[in-house]
Amino acid sequence: MLNGNRRSFYVFMTEKGKDQAAAVAKAFLELEEEAFYGLSEKEREAFMKVFQKVYTNTLDRKE
């Protein structure tokens, strides 16, 4: 509750949570650098464009 508003709840990240979030972000950045090693920016963009289409196709799939 913040400022007496009982209808809303607020969640704040602790210092430990901030540290862990930073560690996760760093790990993902390192993984991305490793995964795209040796690829040009143009190749990365082409991959992401195709990957986005694949992702969109799976969302649009009707069963």
PDB file of N, CA and C in Angstrom:
ATOM      1  N   MET A   1       0.852  -1.163   0.000  1.00  0.00           N
ATOM      2  CA  MET A   1       0.000   0.000   0.000  1.00  0.00           C
ATOM      3  C   MET A   1       0.908   1.238   0.000  1.00  0.00           C
ATOM      4  N   LEU A   2       0.550   2.220  -0.779  1.00  0.00           N
ATOM      5  CA  LEU A   2       1.353   3.434  -0.855  1.00  0.00           C
ATOM      6  C   LEU A   2       0.424   4.633  -0.753  1.00  0.00           C
ATOM      7  N   ASN A   3       0.763   5.575   0.071  1.00  0.00           N
ATOM      8  CA  ASN A   3      -0.034   6.786   0.263  1.00  0.00           C
ATOM      9  C   ASN A   3      -1.468   6.488   0.681  1.00  0.00           C
ATOM     10  N   GLY A   4      -1.669   5.442   1.430  1.00  0.00           N
ATOM     11  CA  GLY A   4      -2.980   5.120   1.947  1.00  0.00           C
ATOM     12  C   GLY A   4      -3.946   4.519   0.950  1.00  0.00           C
ATOM     13  N   ASN A   5      -3.529   4.261  -0.267  1.00  0.00           N
ATOM     14  CA  ASN A   5      -4.402   3.685  -1.291  1.00  0.00           C
ATOM     15  C   ASN A   5      -4.444   2.175  -1.089  1.00  0.00           C
ATOM     16  N   ARG A   6      -5.517   1.671  -0.524  1.00  0.00           N
ATOM     17  CA  ARG A   6      -5.621   0.250  -0.210  1.00  0.00           C
ATOM     18  C   ARG A   6      -6.033  -0.587  -1.412  1.00  0.00           C
ATOM     19  N   ARG A   7      -6.407   0.036  -2.511  1.00  0.00           N
ATOM     20  CA  ARG A   7      -6.823  -0.715  -3.699  1.00  0.00           C
ATOM     21  C   ARG A   7      -5.641  -1.120  -4.576  1.00  0.00           C
ATOM     22  N   SER A   8      -4.499  -0.556  -4.336  1.00  0.00           N
ATOM     23  CA  SER A   8      -3.318  -0.856  -5.147  1.00  0.00           C
ATOM     24  C   SER A   8      -2.208  -1.408  -4.266  1.00  0.00           C
ATOM     25  N   PHE A   9      -1.471  -2.323  -4.832  1.00  0.00           N
ATOM     26  CA  PHE A   9      -0.311  -2.876  -4.155  1.00  0.00           C
ATOM     27  C   PHE A   9       0.922  -2.539  -4.978  1.00  0.00           C
ATOM     28  N   TYR A  10       1.981  -2.207  -4.310  1.00  0.00           N
ATOM     29  CA  TYR A  10       3.222  -1.858  -4.980  1.00  0.00           C
ATOM     30  C   TYR A  10       4.295  -2.843  -4.567  1.00  0.00           C
ATOM     31  N   VAL A  11       5.098  -3.241  -5.526  1.00  0.00           N
ATOM     32  CA  VAL A  11       6.185  -4.173  -5.272  1.00  0.00           C
ATOM     33  C   VAL A  11       7.482  -3.457  -5.628  1.00  0.00           C
ATOM     34  N   PHE A  12       8.430  -3.506  -4.728  1.00  0.00           N
ATOM     35  CA  PHE A  12       9.713  -2.864  -4.948  1.00  0.00           C
ATOM     36  C   PHE A  12      10.811  -3.913  -4.883  1.00  0.00           C
ATOM     37  N   MET A  13      11.767  -3.794  -5.767  1.00  0.00           N
ATOM     38  CA  MET A  13      12.864  -4.740  -5.810  1.00  0.00           C
ATOM     39  C   MET A  13      13.878  -4.414  -4.710  1.00  0.00           C
ATOM     40  N   THR A  14      14.325  -5.440  -4.030  1.00  0.00           N
ATOM     41  CA  THR A  14      15.344  -5.266  -2.993  1.00  0.00           C
ATOM     42  C   THR A  14      16.709  -5.097  -3.645  1.00  0.00           C
ATOM     43  N   GLU A  15      17.695  -4.713  -2.864  1.00  0.00           N
ATOM     44  CA  GLU A  15      19.062  -4.603  -3.381  1.00  0.00           C
ATOM     45  C   GLU A  15      19.546  -5.958  -3.888  1.00  0.00           C
ATOM     46  N   LYS A  16      19.223  -7.015  -3.167  1.00  0.00           N
ATOM     47  CA  LYS A  16      19.612  -8.361  -3.604  1.00  0.00           C
ATOM     48  C   LYS A  16      18.953  -8.673  -4.946  1.00  0.00           C
ATOM     49  N   GLY A  17      17.690  -8.318  -5.087  1.00  0.00           N
ATOM     50  CA  GLY A  17      16.979  -8.542  -6.345  1.00  0.00           C
ATOM     51  C   GLY A  17      17.595  -7.748  -7.481  1.00  0.00           C
ATOM     52  N   LYS A  18      17.988  -6.514  -7.199  1.00  0.00           N
ATOM     53  CA  LYS A  18      18.635  -5.681  -8.224  1.00  0.00           C
ATOM     54  C   LYS A  18      19.957  -6.303  -8.654  1.00  0.00           C
ATOM     55  N   ASP A  19      20.716  -6.803  -7.677  1.00  0.00           N
ATOM     56  CA  ASP A  19      21.997  -7.457  -7.991  1.00  0.00           C
ATOM     57  C   ASP A  19      21.771  -8.701  -8.845  1.00  0.00           C
ATOM     58  N   GLN A  20      20.758  -9.486  -8.492  1.00  0.00           N
ATOM     59  CA  GLN A  20      20.476 -10.703  -9.247  1.00  0.00           C
ATOM     60  C   GLN A  20      19.965 -10.378 -10.650  1.00  0.00           C
ATOM     61  N   ALA A  21      19.160  -9.346 -10.779  1.00  0.00           N
ATOM     62  CA  ALA A  21      18.673  -8.930 -12.102  1.00  0.00           C
ATOM     63  C   ALA A  21      19.834  -8.497 -12.984  1.00  0.00           C
ATOM     64  N   ALA A  22      20.787  -7.784 -12.408  1.00  0.00           N
ATOM     65  CA  ALA A  22      21.966  -7.363 -13.162  1.00  0.00           C
ATOM     66  C   ALA A  22      22.792  -8.573 -13.593  1.00  0.00           C
ATOM     67  N   ALA A  23      22.917  -9.574 -12.716  1.00  0.00           N
ATOM     68  CA  ALA A  23      23.675 -10.783 -13.048  1.00  0.00           C
ATOM     69  C   ALA A  23      22.991 -11.556 -14.176  1.00  0.00           C
ATOM     70  N   VAL A  24      21.667 -11.623 -14.151  1.00  0.00           N
ATOM     71  CA  VAL A  24      20.922 -12.314 -15.211  1.00  0.00           C
ATOM     72  C   VAL A  24      21.092 -11.569 -16.529  1.00  0.00           C
ATOM     73  N   ALA A  25      20.985 -10.246 -16.503  1.00  0.00           N
ATOM     74  CA  ALA A  25      21.156  -9.455 -17.721  1.00  0.00           C
ATOM     75  C   ALA A  25      22.547  -9.664 -18.313  1.00  0.00           C
ATOM     76  N   LYS A  26      23.570  -9.691 -17.452  1.00  0.00           N
ATOM     77  CA  LYS A  26      24.943  -9.924 -17.907  1.00  0.00           C
ATOM     78  C   LYS A  26      25.079 -11.305 -18.527  1.00  0.00           C
ATOM     79  N   ALA A  27      24.485 -12.314 -17.904  1.00  0.00           N
ATOM     80  CA  ALA A  27      24.559 -13.681 -18.424  1.00  0.00           C
ATOM     81  C   ALA A  27      23.900 -13.774 -19.796  1.00  0.00           C
ATOM     82  N   PHE A  28      22.746 -13.129 -19.961  1.00  0.00           N
ATOM     83  CA  PHE A  28      22.072 -13.163 -21.261  1.00  0.00           C
ATOM     84  C   PHE A  28      22.884 -12.432 -22.323  1.00  0.00           C
ATOM     85  N   LEU A  29      23.512 -11.318 -21.964  1.00  0.00           N
ATOM     86  CA  LEU A  29      24.350 -10.593 -22.908  1.00  0.00           C
ATOM     87  C   LEU A  29      25.529 -11.453 -23.356  1.00  0.00           C
ATOM     88  N   GLU A  30      26.153 -12.138 -22.408  1.00  0.00           N
ATOM     89  CA  GLU A  30      27.276 -13.015 -22.742  1.00  0.00           C
ATOM     90  C   GLU A  30      26.825 -14.169 -23.639  1.00  0.00           C
ATOM     91  N   LEU A  31      25.674 -14.731 -23.352  1.00  0.00           N
ATOM     92  CA  LEU A  31      25.140 -15.817 -24.162  1.00  0.00           C
ATOM     93  C   LEU A  31      24.834 -15.335 -25.580  1.00  0.00           C
ATOM     94  N   GLU A  32      24.251 -14.152 -25.682  1.00  0.00           N
ATOM     95  CA  GLU A  32      23.945 -13.585 -27.003  1.00  0.00           C
ATOM     96  C   GLU A  32      25.220 -13.343 -27.792  1.00  0.00           C
ATOM     97  N   GLU A  33      26.243 -12.810 -27.141  1.00  0.00           N
ATOM     98  CA  GLU A  33      27.523 -12.579 -27.818  1.00  0.00           C
ATOM     99  C   GLU A  33      28.117 -13.892 -28.314  1.00  0.00           C
ATOM    100  N   GLU A  34      28.022 -14.936 -27.502  1.00  0.00           N
ATOM    101  CA  GLU A  34      28.542 -16.250 -27.894  1.00  0.00           C
ATOM    102  C   GLU A  34      27.734 -16.835 -29.052  1.00  0.00           C
ATOM    103  N   ALA A  35      26.422 -16.721 -28.974  1.00  0.00           N
ATOM    104  CA  ALA A  35      25.549 -17.300 -30.006  1.00  0.00           C
ATOM    105  C   ALA A  35      25.747 -16.628 -31.369  1.00  0.00           C
ATOM    106  N   PHE A  36      26.002 -15.326 -31.359  1.00  0.00           N
ATOM    107  CA  PHE A  36      26.130 -14.584 -32.618  1.00  0.00           C
ATOM    108  C   PHE A  36      27.583 -14.340 -33.021  1.00  0.00           C
ATOM    109  N   TYR A  37      28.513 -15.000 -32.345  1.00  0.00           N
ATOM    110  CA  TYR A  37      29.931 -14.818 -32.645  1.00  0.00           C
ATOM    111  C   TYR A  37      30.202 -15.102 -34.127  1.00  0.00           C
ATOM    112  N   GLY A  38      30.922 -14.200 -34.766  1.00  0.00           N
ATOM    113  CA  GLY A  38      31.314 -14.402 -36.160  1.00  0.00           C
ATOM    114  C   GLY A  38      30.260 -13.978 -37.172  1.00  0.00           C
ATOM    115  N   LEU A  39      29.102 -13.549 -36.710  1.00  0.00           N
ATOM    116  CA  LEU A  39      28.058 -13.098 -37.627  1.00  0.00           C
ATOM    117  C   LEU A  39      28.099 -11.574 -37.740  1.00  0.00           C
ATOM    118  N   SER A  40      27.886 -11.108 -38.938  1.00  0.00           N
ATOM    119  CA  SER A  40      27.840  -9.660 -39.130  1.00  0.00           C
ATOM    120  C   SER A  40      26.520  -9.112 -38.593  1.00  0.00           C
ATOM    121  N   GLU A  41      26.462  -7.814 -38.454  1.00  0.00           N
ATOM    122  CA  GLU A  41      25.226  -7.174 -37.991  1.00  0.00           C
ATOM    123  C   GLU A  41      24.085  -7.466 -38.974  1.00  0.00           C
ATOM    124  N   LYS A  42      24.400  -7.479 -40.256  1.00  0.00           N
ATOM    125  CA  LYS A  42      23.392  -7.776 -41.277  1.00  0.00           C
ATOM    126  C   LYS A  42      22.860  -9.205 -41.117  1.00  0.00           C
ATOM    127  N   GLU A  43      23.754 -10.153 -40.846  1.00  0.00           N
ATOM    128  CA  GLU A  43      23.341 -11.542 -40.631  1.00  0.00           C
ATOM    129  C   GLU A  43      22.490 -11.673 -39.368  1.00  0.00           C
ATOM    130  N   ARG A  44      22.866 -10.952 -38.330  1.00  0.00           N
ATOM    131  CA  ARG A  44      22.075 -10.970 -37.089  1.00  0.00           C
ATOM    132  C   ARG A  44      20.667 -10.439 -37.340  1.00  0.00           C
ATOM    133  N   GLU A  45      20.582  -9.335 -38.063  1.00  0.00           N
ATOM    134  CA  GLU A  45      19.282  -8.738 -38.354  1.00  0.00           C
ATOM    135  C   GLU A  45      18.428  -9.682 -39.201  1.00  0.00           C
ATOM    136  N   ALA A  46      19.051 -10.343 -40.184  1.00  0.00           N
ATOM    137  CA  ALA A  46      18.311 -11.291 -41.025  1.00  0.00           C
ATOM    138  C   ALA A  46      17.791 -12.449 -40.181  1.00  0.00           C
ATOM    139  N   PHE A  47      18.626 -12.969 -39.295  1.00  0.00           N
ATOM    140  CA  PHE A  47      18.203 -14.052 -38.415  1.00  0.00           C
ATOM    141  C   PHE A  47      17.015 -13.620 -37.563  1.00  0.00           C
ATOM    142  N   MET A  48      17.129 -12.450 -36.945  1.00  0.00           N
ATOM    143  CA  MET A  48      16.064 -11.981 -36.061  1.00  0.00           C
ATOM    144  C   MET A  48      14.766 -11.757 -36.833  1.00  0.00           C
ATOM    145  N   LYS A  49      14.870 -11.332 -38.074  1.00  0.00           N
ATOM    146  CA  LYS A  49      13.673 -11.121 -38.903  1.00  0.00           C
ATOM    147  C   LYS A  49      12.977 -12.453 -39.171  1.00  0.00           C
ATOM    148  N   VAL A  50      13.752 -13.462 -39.531  1.00  0.00           N
ATOM    149  CA  VAL A  50      13.187 -14.797 -39.778  1.00  0.00           C
ATOM    150  C   VAL A  50      12.647 -15.385 -38.477  1.00  0.00           C
ATOM    151  N   PHE A  51      13.391 -15.250 -37.403  1.00  0.00           N
ATOM    152  CA  PHE A  51      12.956 -15.784 -36.118  1.00  0.00           C
ATOM    153  C   PHE A  51      11.641 -15.134 -35.691  1.00  0.00           C
ATOM    154  N   GLN A  52      11.494 -13.835 -35.915  1.00  0.00           N
ATOM    155  CA  GLN A  52      10.253 -13.140 -35.570  1.00  0.00           C
ATOM    156  C   GLN A  52       9.075 -13.703 -36.362  1.00  0.00           C
ATOM    157  N   LYS A  53       9.303 -14.017 -37.646  1.00  0.00           N
ATOM    158  CA  LYS A  53       8.245 -14.617 -38.465  1.00  0.00           C
ATOM    159  C   LYS A  53       7.843 -15.987 -37.929  1.00  0.00           C
ATOM    160  N   VAL A  54       8.838 -16.790 -37.562  1.00  0.00           N
ATOM    161  CA  VAL A  54       8.559 -18.114 -37.004  1.00  0.00           C
ATOM    162  C   VAL A  54       7.755 -17.967 -35.716  1.00  0.00           C
ATOM    163  N   TYR A  55       8.177 -17.040 -34.869  1.00  0.00           N
ATOM    164  CA  TYR A  55       7.474 -16.794 -33.608  1.00  0.00           C
ATOM    165  C   TYR A  55       6.027 -16.353 -33.864  1.00  0.00           C
ATOM    166  N   THR A  56       5.846 -15.427 -34.792  1.00  0.00           N
ATOM    167  CA  THR A  56       4.504 -14.942 -35.124  1.00  0.00           C
ATOM    168  C   THR A  56       3.651 -16.075 -35.673  1.00  0.00           C
ATOM    169  N   ASN A  57       4.223 -16.923 -36.485  1.00  0.00           N
ATOM    170  CA  ASN A  57       3.475 -18.060 -37.031  1.00  0.00           C
ATOM    171  C   ASN A  57       2.985 -18.978 -35.931  1.00  0.00           C
ATOM    172  N   THR A  58       3.793 -19.173 -34.911  1.00  0.00           N
ATOM    173  CA  THR A  58       3.352 -20.066 -33.823  1.00  0.00           C
ATOM    174  C   THR A  58       2.255 -19.418 -33.005  1.00  0.00           C
ATOM    175  N   LEU A  59       2.251 -18.110 -32.908  1.00  0.00           N
ATOM    176  CA  LEU A  59       1.187 -17.412 -32.175  1.00  0.00           C
ATOM    177  C   LEU A  59      -0.128 -17.426 -32.943  1.00  0.00           C
ATOM    178  N   ASP A  60      -0.021 -17.313 -34.262  1.00  0.00           N
ATOM    179  CA  ASP A  60      -1.205 -17.220 -35.118  1.00  0.00           C
ATOM    180  C   ASP A  60      -1.820 -18.594 -35.426  1.00  0.00           C
ATOM    181  N   ARG A  61      -1.132 -19.641 -35.024  1.00  0.00           N
ATOM    182  CA  ARG A  61      -1.589 -20.991 -35.340  1.00  0.00           C
ATOM    183  C   ARG A  61      -2.953 -21.261 -34.716  1.00  0.00           C
ATOM    184  N   LYS A  62      -3.846 -21.739 -35.516  1.00  0.00           N
ATOM    185  CA  LYS A  62      -5.190 -22.051 -35.013  1.00  0.00           C
ATOM    186  C   LYS A  62      -5.340 -23.560 -34.924  1.00  0.00           C
ATOM    187  N   GLU A  63      -5.868 -24.011 -33.813  1.00  0.00           N
ATOM    188  CA  GLU A  63      -6.035 -25.458 -33.626  1.00  0.00           C
ATOM    189  C   GLU A  63      -7.490 -25.817 -33.668  1.00  0.00           C
TER     190      GLU A  63
END
